[in-house]
Amino acid sequence: MVFFGTSGIRDLSPEILDCNFAFKFGQAISNFKKKFIIGYDGRPTGQMLLNASIAGLLQQGKDVYNLDLCTSPTLANYSNKLNTIGIMITASHNPLCYNGIKIFENGKEFDKNKEKKLESILEKKITTKPVQWNKVGKIFFAQEDAKASHISLLEKIFDINTIKQRKIRILLDCANLAAVAVAPMMFRKFDAIVLEKNCTPFLSPDRAIEPNYENLKKLSQEIKNLDIDFAIAFDGDGDRAVVLDEKGEMIGLDVQLAIAIDYILEKTKAKAVVCTVESSLLIKDIVKKHNAKLFLTPVGSRNVAIKMRQTNAVFGGEPCGEYIFKNALSSPDGLATSLLFAEIFSKKESLHNLKKVYKTYPIKRLKISCQKNQKSLFMKKLEKNWPFKTKLKIDGLMAQEDWGWVLVRPSGTENFIRITIEAYTQKDLDQNLKKLEEVINE
């Protein structure tokens, strides 16, 4: 059985991810270190899984630093500070009926080979003998120290003085989950006027967790009646952030990524950035403008982080709002993304006007329901009947052609096949999407 997907373990909870699994997980991972960090994103089943995992660790004699409600980047940073493994109970952007586990070690996402070793321990279902009563582990509560450490790191990366002078009026939508623990406090520390939405822990938010166009429509309408400079919407564990301008319009995930890359390359004069295969033609235009090199990876922030280290890239991003910064963490950080756009706004003024500078191309992102055990069969059938001239296997199946590109890949976190197609003209997009759909529907 494979427990790990693109980003940790994720499934329905408590139907599948229950106390028994969390306890056994704590026992299994205890083999890797002498002390551990743990936190959760605020989901209804989060405390249950958190405490069961802690119990499994304590029974094996391991000390645990409990960050309680925290973001994944806060926990990742603290794992680097304490030189150990961090366990984050979260299902990221998935609905509240899901939960999961992300693992970090020394600020990085857990190594794949170690994931396989951990899976093999879990699969054996060995009853682990507990330590003696006087060697049971201890719990240390470290939420405040972890938050302070994370903010201190971010202060070294961004132009905080300029942000403070601008006295930004910002709306933060934290989905009533992890970002509640740090985002409002951080921006107030930096002299911003903060309006809060979905910033009450343990209540159901008035939107779905993933911060995308469809789920942020209500927020968009509300912003139109507010006097703010811009808004940030976070996902469940605070590692991705989506920007809405002063008129309540989403910057757009492709344009948001382009603005970030354009600004960072201009500021740093660096010559390398990393993005995933889902990135748009606009990104290629921006990188070319700066005479820099774009490195593409399979989808997944761990892949982006590894390629960044290999190429000494200054920045890595995915078109979902997950960004990695060279001098920060080796994993995505929504708090860092929010400060980046606070800095950009402080120097460029209106984000609504700024986004108009960027030329976009027709692009469409679709998803097809597909159960986990059917994904491989779907992809094999599609590969056999692939209707395009080129066939790349960086991640799933991809064609890069004169008219544009198309990518079909199985989701690593949900029961979907994801399709992204982009073309220089709407006519080319429609024609090639139809060609693909005909093959899929055969």
Protein backbone atom coordinates (compact mmCIF):
# COMPACT_ATOMS: atom_id res chain seq x y z
CA MET A 1 0.00 0.00 0.00
CA VAL A 2 1.24 3.52 -0.85
CA PHE A 3 0.37 6.00 1.87
CA PHE A 4 2.09 9.09 0.46
CA GLY A 5 0.87 11.18 -2.47
CA THR A 6 2.30 14.34 -4.03
CA SER A 7 2.18 16.16 -0.71
CA GLY A 8 2.09 13.77 2.23
CA ILE A 9 -0.74 11.51 3.38
CA ARG A 10 -4.30 12.61 2.71
CA ASP A 11 -7.71 10.93 3.03
CA LEU A 12 -11.16 11.10 4.58
CA SER A 13 -11.07 11.48 8.35
CA PRO A 14 -12.08 9.84 10.61
CA GLU A 15 -13.43 7.22 8.15
CA ILE A 16 -9.93 6.27 6.95
CA LEU A 17 -7.44 8.47 8.81
CA ASP A 18 -8.44 7.69 12.39
CA CYS A 19 -6.89 7.64 15.86
CA ASN A 20 -5.50 4.15 15.37
CA PHE A 21 -3.64 5.15 12.23
CA ALA A 22 -2.32 8.36 13.82
CA PHE A 23 -1.09 6.47 16.90
CA LYS A 24 0.68 3.87 14.74
CA PHE A 25 2.09 6.65 12.58
CA GLY A 26 3.59 8.26 15.70
CA GLN A 27 5.13 4.94 16.69
CA ALA A 28 6.49 4.33 13.18
CA ILE A 29 8.09 7.73 12.64
CA SER A 30 9.66 7.60 16.12
CA ASN A 31 12.40 5.47 14.52
CA PHE A 32 13.81 8.51 12.70
CA LYS A 33 14.65 11.06 15.45
CA LYS A 34 14.92 11.60 19.21
CA LYS A 35 12.58 14.61 19.28
CA PHE A 36 9.73 15.82 17.07
CA ILE A 37 7.67 18.93 16.33
CA ILE A 38 3.95 18.68 15.67
CA GLY A 39 1.08 21.02 14.80
CA TYR A 40 -2.29 21.04 13.06
CA ASP A 41 -4.30 23.34 10.80
CA GLY A 42 -7.54 23.61 12.82
CA ARG A 43 -9.76 21.04 11.08
CA PRO A 44 -12.44 19.30 13.17
CA THR A 45 -10.46 16.03 13.24
CA GLY A 46 -7.12 17.79 13.72
CA GLN A 47 -6.87 17.65 17.51
CA MET A 48 -7.87 13.99 17.45
CA LEU A 49 -5.07 13.07 15.02
CA LEU A 50 -2.59 15.43 16.69
CA ASN A 51 -3.06 13.92 20.14
CA ALA A 52 -3.05 10.34 18.86
CA SER A 53 0.22 10.97 17.00
CA ILE A 54 1.72 12.59 20.10
CA ALA A 55 0.71 9.56 22.18
CA GLY A 56 2.45 7.23 19.73
CA LEU A 57 5.64 9.29 19.95
CA LEU A 58 5.59 9.65 23.74
CA GLN A 59 5.08 5.92 24.22
CA GLN A 60 8.30 5.35 22.26
CA GLY A 61 10.21 7.74 24.52
CA LYS A 62 10.31 10.71 22.13
CA ASP A 63 9.98 14.32 23.26
CA VAL A 64 7.43 16.40 21.35
CA TYR A 65 7.34 20.16 20.74
CA ASN A 66 3.65 20.96 20.28
CA LEU A 67 2.93 24.02 18.11
CA ASP A 68 -0.84 23.40 18.34
CA LEU A 69 -2.64 25.55 15.71
CA CYS A 70 0.01 26.68 13.22
CA THR A 71 0.80 26.98 9.52
CA SER A 72 2.89 24.44 7.64
CA PRO A 73 5.62 27.02 6.91
CA THR A 74 5.79 27.97 10.61
CA LEU A 75 6.28 24.31 11.49
CA ALA A 76 8.77 23.76 8.65
CA ASN A 77 10.85 26.71 9.80
CA TYR A 78 10.84 25.45 13.39
CA SER A 79 11.96 22.00 12.24
CA ASN A 80 14.97 23.74 10.73
CA LYS A 81 15.63 25.70 13.92
CA LEU A 82 15.52 22.55 16.09
CA ASN A 83 17.25 20.38 13.47
CA THR A 84 14.59 17.71 13.58
CA ILE A 85 11.39 16.35 11.99
CA GLY A 86 8.11 18.26 11.98
CA ILE A 87 4.71 16.58 11.61
CA MET A 88 1.88 18.75 10.28
CA ILE A 89 -1.67 17.44 10.61
CA THR A 90 -3.37 18.98 7.57
CA ALA A 91 -5.18 18.25 4.34
CA SER A 92 -4.04 21.57 2.86
CA HIS A 93 -6.65 22.82 0.36
CA ASN A 94 -8.91 19.74 0.54
CA PRO A 95 -12.44 19.95 2.03
CA LEU A 96 -12.89 19.80 5.81
CA CYS A 97 -13.99 16.15 5.68
CA TYR A 98 -10.38 15.30 4.73
CA ASN A 99 -7.27 15.36 6.84
CA GLY A 100 -3.70 14.30 6.36
CA ILE A 101 -0.07 14.45 7.40
CA LYS A 102 2.79 16.44 5.92
CA ILE A 103 6.33 15.80 7.12
CA PHE A 104 9.22 18.26 7.17
CA GLU A 105 12.84 17.74 8.15
CA ASN A 106 15.22 20.64 8.74
CA GLY A 107 12.89 23.00 6.86
CA LYS A 108 12.52 20.74 3.81
CA GLU A 109 9.75 18.39 2.77
CA PHE A 110 10.51 14.83 3.83
CA ASP A 111 12.84 12.85 1.57
CA LYS A 112 11.10 10.36 -0.75
CA ASN A 113 13.38 7.49 0.26
CA LYS A 114 12.55 8.11 3.91
CA GLU A 115 8.85 8.17 3.00
CA LYS A 116 9.24 4.70 1.48
CA LYS A 117 11.03 3.46 4.59
CA LEU A 118 8.24 4.88 6.76
CA GLU A 119 5.62 3.24 4.54
CA SER A 120 7.32 -0.13 4.90
CA ILE A 121 7.24 0.22 8.71
CA LEU A 122 3.53 1.10 8.62
CA GLU A 123 2.73 -1.78 6.25
CA LYS A 124 4.34 -4.39 8.52
CA LYS A 125 1.83 -3.52 11.26
CA ILE A 126 4.31 -4.58 13.91
CA THR A 127 3.20 -4.07 17.50
CA THR A 128 5.92 -1.82 18.89
CA LYS A 129 6.96 -2.39 22.47
CA PRO A 130 6.62 0.79 24.57
CA VAL A 131 9.47 2.19 26.64
CA GLN A 132 9.57 1.84 30.42
CA TRP A 133 7.38 4.15 32.49
CA ASN A 134 10.28 6.42 33.47
CA LYS A 135 11.44 6.88 29.86
CA VAL A 136 8.18 8.10 28.32
CA GLY A 137 8.65 11.29 26.29
CA LYS A 138 7.70 14.82 27.38
CA ILE A 139 5.60 17.53 25.71
CA PHE A 140 6.90 21.09 25.32
CA PHE A 141 4.53 23.83 24.15
CA ALA A 142 6.33 26.02 21.62
CA GLN A 143 3.67 27.80 19.54
CA GLU A 144 4.74 31.35 20.42
CA ASP A 145 8.45 30.69 19.92
CA ALA A 146 7.75 29.05 16.55
CA LYS A 147 5.63 31.99 15.33
CA ALA A 148 8.26 34.51 16.45
CA SER A 149 11.00 32.53 14.72
CA HIS A 150 9.03 32.39 11.47
CA ILE A 151 8.27 36.12 11.44
CA SER A 152 11.90 36.90 12.28
CA LEU A 153 13.00 34.94 9.21
CA LEU A 154 10.58 36.83 6.95
CA GLU A 155 11.73 40.20 8.32
CA LYS A 156 15.20 39.48 6.92
CA ILE A 157 13.90 38.79 3.40
CA PHE A 158 11.43 41.57 2.63
CA ASP A 159 11.56 45.37 2.75
CA ILE A 160 9.64 45.70 6.00
CA ASN A 161 10.45 49.39 6.46
CA THR A 162 8.76 50.27 3.15
CA ILE A 163 5.78 48.08 4.04
CA LYS A 164 5.46 49.79 7.43
CA GLN A 165 5.67 53.27 5.92
CA ARG A 166 2.88 52.46 3.47
CA LYS A 167 0.46 51.49 6.30
CA ILE A 168 -1.33 49.03 4.06
CA ARG A 169 -5.06 48.43 4.39
CA ILE A 170 -5.33 44.68 3.89
CA LEU A 171 -8.11 42.12 4.18
CA LEU A 172 -7.02 38.65 5.29
CA ASP A 173 -9.22 35.60 4.63
CA CYS A 174 -7.71 32.74 6.63
CA ALA A 175 -10.47 30.16 5.99
CA ASN A 176 -10.79 29.86 9.81
CA LEU A 177 -7.77 27.56 9.69
CA ALA A 178 -4.00 27.67 10.18
CA ALA A 179 -3.20 31.19 8.94
CA VAL A 180 -5.41 32.58 11.73
CA ALA A 181 -2.57 31.78 14.13
CA VAL A 182 -0.07 34.19 12.59
CA ALA A 183 -1.18 36.26 9.55
CA PRO A 184 -3.32 38.97 11.25
CA MET A 185 -0.78 39.38 14.06
CA MET A 186 2.13 39.59 11.62
CA PHE A 187 0.58 42.31 9.47
CA ARG A 188 -0.41 44.36 12.52
CA LYS A 189 3.18 44.06 13.72
CA PHE A 190 4.16 45.64 10.39
CA ASP A 191 1.75 48.58 10.93
CA ALA A 192 -0.94 47.42 8.51
CA ILE A 193 -4.63 48.11 9.04
CA VAL A 194 -6.07 44.59 9.02
CA LEU A 195 -9.62 43.59 8.17
CA GLU A 196 -10.35 40.00 9.09
CA LYS A 197 -12.58 37.49 7.33
CA ASN A 198 -12.83 33.82 8.26
CA CYS A 199 -10.36 34.43 11.07
CA THR A 200 -12.15 32.59 13.88
CA PRO A 201 -10.61 29.19 14.66
CA PHE A 202 -12.82 26.09 14.86
CA LEU A 203 -15.77 27.58 12.96
CA SER A 204 -16.69 26.49 9.44
CA PRO A 205 -15.64 29.17 6.91
CA ASP A 206 -18.14 30.66 4.45
CA ARG A 207 -16.14 29.32 1.51
CA ALA A 208 -14.48 26.10 0.39
CA ILE A 209 -10.88 25.76 1.56
CA GLU A 210 -9.06 25.99 -1.77
CA PRO A 211 -8.55 29.70 -2.61
CA ASN A 212 -9.54 29.67 -6.27
CA TYR A 213 -11.74 31.84 -8.49
CA GLU A 214 -14.96 29.92 -7.84
CA ASN A 215 -14.51 29.75 -4.06
CA LEU A 216 -13.58 33.43 -3.69
CA LYS A 217 -16.57 34.91 -5.56
CA LYS A 218 -18.32 35.97 -2.35
CA LEU A 219 -15.16 37.58 -1.00
CA SER A 220 -14.68 39.36 -4.31
CA GLN A 221 -18.15 40.92 -4.08
CA GLU A 222 -17.62 42.01 -0.48
CA ILE A 223 -14.32 43.74 -1.25
CA LYS A 224 -16.03 46.04 -3.77
CA ASN A 225 -17.71 47.81 -0.84
CA LEU A 226 -14.53 48.13 1.23
CA ASP A 227 -11.71 50.66 1.28
CA ILE A 228 -8.69 48.35 1.11
CA ASP A 229 -5.45 48.18 -0.87
CA PHE A 230 -5.66 44.44 -1.55
CA ALA A 231 -6.69 41.13 0.02
CA ILE A 232 -5.02 37.78 0.65
CA ALA A 233 -6.86 34.45 0.83
CA PHE A 234 -5.03 31.47 2.33
CA ASP A 235 -5.59 27.74 2.02
CA GLY A 236 -5.96 25.35 4.95
CA ASP A 237 -2.37 25.17 6.15
CA GLY A 238 -1.15 28.58 5.03
CA ASP A 239 1.40 27.47 2.45
CA ARG A 240 -0.43 29.07 -0.47
CA ALA A 241 -1.80 32.58 -0.81
CA VAL A 242 -4.00 34.13 -3.48
CA VAL A 243 -4.15 37.89 -4.11
CA LEU A 244 -7.25 39.99 -4.86
CA ASP A 245 -6.83 43.62 -5.90
CA GLU A 246 -8.50 46.73 -4.46
CA LYS A 247 -11.55 46.23 -6.70
CA GLY A 248 -12.09 42.68 -5.46
CA GLU A 249 -10.78 41.02 -8.62
CA MET A 250 -8.42 38.07 -8.39
CA ILE A 251 -5.05 38.96 -9.85
CA GLY A 252 -5.31 35.56 -11.55
CA LEU A 253 -3.03 32.68 -10.60
CA ASP A 254 -0.95 32.85 -13.78
CA VAL A 255 -0.59 36.64 -13.63
CA GLN A 256 0.12 36.52 -9.89
CA LEU A 257 3.00 34.13 -10.52
CA ALA A 258 4.24 36.30 -13.39
CA ILE A 259 4.20 39.45 -11.23
CA ALA A 260 6.16 37.65 -8.51
CA ILE A 261 8.81 36.37 -10.95
CA ASP A 262 9.07 39.70 -12.78
CA TYR A 263 9.56 41.64 -9.55
CA ILE A 264 12.05 39.19 -8.02
CA LEU A 265 14.19 38.93 -11.17
CA GLU A 266 14.24 42.72 -11.47
CA LYS A 267 15.13 43.15 -7.79
CA THR A 268 17.79 40.44 -7.55
CA LYS A 269 19.15 40.34 -11.13
CA ALA A 270 19.16 36.55 -10.71
CA LYS A 271 19.24 34.33 -13.79
CA ALA A 272 17.28 31.22 -12.81
CA VAL A 273 13.75 30.44 -11.61
CA VAL A 274 11.87 27.16 -11.26
CA CYS A 275 8.23 26.43 -12.10
CA THR A 276 6.18 23.30 -12.68
CA VAL A 277 5.01 21.99 -16.05
CA GLU A 278 1.60 23.62 -15.43
CA SER A 279 3.05 27.12 -15.76
CA SER A 280 1.73 29.39 -18.49
CA LEU A 281 3.30 30.86 -21.62
CA LEU A 282 3.30 34.22 -19.81
CA ILE A 283 5.96 32.90 -17.43
CA LYS A 284 8.22 32.06 -20.37
CA ASP A 285 7.74 35.60 -21.69
CA ILE A 286 8.74 37.13 -18.34
CA VAL A 287 11.81 34.94 -17.89
CA LYS A 288 12.92 35.69 -21.46
CA LYS A 289 12.54 39.43 -20.80
CA HIS A 290 15.10 39.16 -18.00
CA ASN A 291 17.43 36.95 -20.06
CA ALA A 292 17.07 34.29 -17.37
CA LYS A 293 16.52 30.54 -17.51
CA LEU A 294 13.30 28.72 -16.60
CA PHE A 295 13.60 25.19 -15.22
CA LEU A 296 10.45 23.03 -15.32
CA THR A 297 9.66 20.24 -12.87
CA PRO A 298 6.84 17.78 -12.24
CA VAL A 299 3.99 19.21 -10.15
CA GLY A 300 4.72 19.32 -6.42
CA SER A 301 6.57 21.76 -4.22
CA ARG A 302 9.17 19.17 -3.23
CA ASN A 303 10.17 18.85 -6.90
CA VAL A 304 10.41 22.63 -7.18
CA ALA A 305 12.57 22.90 -4.04
CA ILE A 306 14.98 20.19 -5.20
CA LYS A 307 15.43 21.83 -8.61
CA MET A 308 15.98 25.22 -6.94
CA ARG A 309 18.85 23.79 -4.91
CA GLN A 310 20.33 22.12 -7.99
CA THR A 311 20.21 25.29 -10.11
CA ASN A 312 20.72 27.94 -7.40
CA ALA A 313 17.43 29.49 -8.51
CA VAL A 314 16.21 32.56 -6.66
CA PHE A 315 12.53 31.57 -6.72
CA GLY A 316 10.24 28.65 -7.39
CA GLY A 317 6.50 28.71 -7.92
CA GLU A 318 3.41 26.81 -8.94
CA PRO A 319 0.31 28.41 -10.52
CA CYS A 320 -1.79 27.60 -7.46
CA GLY A 321 -0.26 30.25 -5.20
CA GLU A 322 2.53 28.10 -3.70
CA TYR A 323 5.87 29.94 -3.80
CA ILE A 324 9.34 29.11 -2.47
CA PHE A 325 11.93 31.83 -1.82
CA LYS A 326 15.66 31.13 -1.97
CA ASN A 327 16.61 32.82 1.30
CA ALA A 328 13.58 31.59 3.23
CA LEU A 329 12.26 28.04 3.53
CA SER A 330 12.80 25.14 1.14
CA SER A 331 9.03 24.68 1.11
CA PRO A 332 6.05 26.89 0.16
CA ASP A 333 5.19 29.80 2.42
CA GLY A 334 1.91 31.72 2.08
CA LEU A 335 3.04 34.26 4.69
CA ALA A 336 6.11 35.03 2.58
CA THR A 337 3.92 35.36 -0.52
CA SER A 338 1.63 37.81 1.25
CA LEU A 339 4.62 39.94 2.30
CA LEU A 340 6.03 39.83 -1.23
CA PHE A 341 2.83 41.39 -2.55
CA ALA A 342 2.76 43.87 0.33
CA GLU A 343 6.23 44.96 -0.77
CA ILE A 344 5.21 45.08 -4.44
CA PHE A 345 2.13 47.15 -3.60
CA SER A 346 4.18 49.51 -1.44
CA LYS A 347 6.41 50.29 -4.43
CA LYS A 348 4.04 49.88 -7.38
CA GLU A 349 0.78 51.18 -5.86
CA SER A 350 -2.40 49.78 -7.49
CA LEU A 351 -2.34 46.02 -8.08
CA HIS A 352 -5.39 46.45 -10.30
CA ASN A 353 -3.39 48.64 -12.66
CA LEU A 354 -0.26 46.50 -12.36
CA LYS A 355 -1.95 43.30 -13.53
CA LYS A 356 -3.04 45.01 -16.78
CA VAL A 357 0.60 45.18 -17.86
CA TYR A 358 0.78 41.41 -18.29
CA LYS A 359 -0.43 39.84 -21.53
CA THR A 360 -2.16 36.51 -21.02
CA TYR A 361 -3.07 33.79 -23.49
CA PRO A 362 -6.21 31.63 -23.68
CA ILE A 363 -5.86 28.90 -21.05
CA LYS A 364 -8.22 26.31 -19.62
CA ARG A 365 -7.86 24.05 -16.60
CA LEU A 366 -10.22 21.10 -16.29
CA LYS A 367 -10.56 18.08 -14.05
CA ILE A 368 -12.18 14.70 -14.64
CA SER A 369 -13.37 12.53 -11.75
CA CYS A 370 -11.27 9.38 -11.55
CA GLN A 371 -10.84 6.99 -8.63
CA LYS A 372 -7.32 6.31 -7.40
CA ASN A 373 -7.29 2.72 -8.67
CA GLN A 374 -8.41 3.82 -12.17
CA LYS A 375 -5.86 6.58 -12.79
CA SER A 376 -3.14 4.33 -14.19
CA LEU A 377 -5.57 2.67 -16.62
CA PHE A 378 -6.85 6.07 -17.78
CA MET A 379 -3.33 7.33 -18.49
CA LYS A 380 -2.28 4.14 -20.32
CA LYS A 381 -5.29 4.35 -22.61
CA LEU A 382 -4.64 8.03 -23.30
CA GLU A 383 -0.95 7.44 -24.04
CA LYS A 384 -1.85 4.76 -26.56
CA ASN A 385 -4.16 7.16 -28.41
CA TRP A 386 -2.29 10.43 -27.77
CA PRO A 387 -3.49 12.84 -30.50
CA PHE A 388 -0.55 15.28 -30.58
CA LYS A 389 2.81 15.29 -32.37
CA THR A 390 4.95 15.61 -29.24
CA LYS A 391 4.68 13.45 -26.13
CA LEU A 392 6.68 14.42 -23.05
CA LYS A 393 6.57 12.53 -19.76
CA ILE A 394 7.89 15.09 -17.29
CA ASP A 395 4.66 14.65 -15.32
CA GLY A 396 1.77 12.73 -16.84
CA LEU A 397 1.53 13.35 -20.59
CA MET A 398 2.45 16.67 -22.17
CA ALA A 399 2.60 18.14 -25.67
CA GLN A 400 4.56 21.31 -26.46
CA GLU A 401 3.69 22.48 -29.96
CA ASP A 402 3.70 25.57 -32.18
CA TRP A 403 0.12 26.43 -31.19
CA GLY A 404 0.76 26.09 -27.42
CA TRP A 405 0.80 23.18 -24.98
CA VAL A 406 -1.38 20.65 -23.17
CA LEU A 407 -0.80 18.63 -20.00
CA VAL A 408 -2.81 15.67 -18.69
CA ARG A 409 -1.82 14.27 -15.31
CA PRO A 410 -3.39 12.34 -12.43
CA SER A 411 -3.79 14.42 -9.28
CA GLY A 412 -1.54 13.28 -6.46
CA THR A 413 -3.93 14.49 -3.74
CA GLU A 414 -7.48 14.10 -5.11
CA ASN A 415 -9.54 11.68 -7.21
CA PHE A 416 -9.17 13.64 -10.43
CA ILE A 417 -7.33 13.68 -13.73
CA ARG A 418 -6.20 17.25 -14.33
CA ILE A 419 -6.03 18.82 -17.80
CA THR A 420 -4.35 22.12 -18.61
CA ILE A 421 -4.30 23.51 -22.14
CA GLU A 422 -2.99 26.89 -23.31
CA ALA A 423 -2.71 28.32 -26.81
CA TYR A 424 -1.67 31.54 -28.50
CA THR A 425 -5.19 31.90 -29.91
CA GLN A 426 -8.65 30.87 -28.72
CA LYS A 427 -9.24 29.06 -32.00
CA ASP A 428 -6.19 26.84 -31.47
CA LEU A 429 -7.21 26.13 -27.89
CA ASP A 430 -10.73 25.08 -28.89
CA GLN A 431 -9.54 22.89 -31.76
CA ASN A 432 -6.92 21.04 -29.73
CA LEU A 433 -9.11 20.64 -26.67
CA LYS A 434 -11.77 19.08 -28.90
CA LYS A 435 -9.13 16.72 -30.32
CA LEU A 436 -8.16 15.64 -26.80
CA GLU A 437 -11.75 15.24 -25.60
CA GLU A 438 -12.59 13.01 -28.56
CA VAL A 439 -9.81 10.61 -27.55
CA ILE A 440 -10.80 10.66 -23.87
CA ASN A 441 -14.47 9.99 -24.67
CA GLU A 442 -13.82 7.08 -27.05
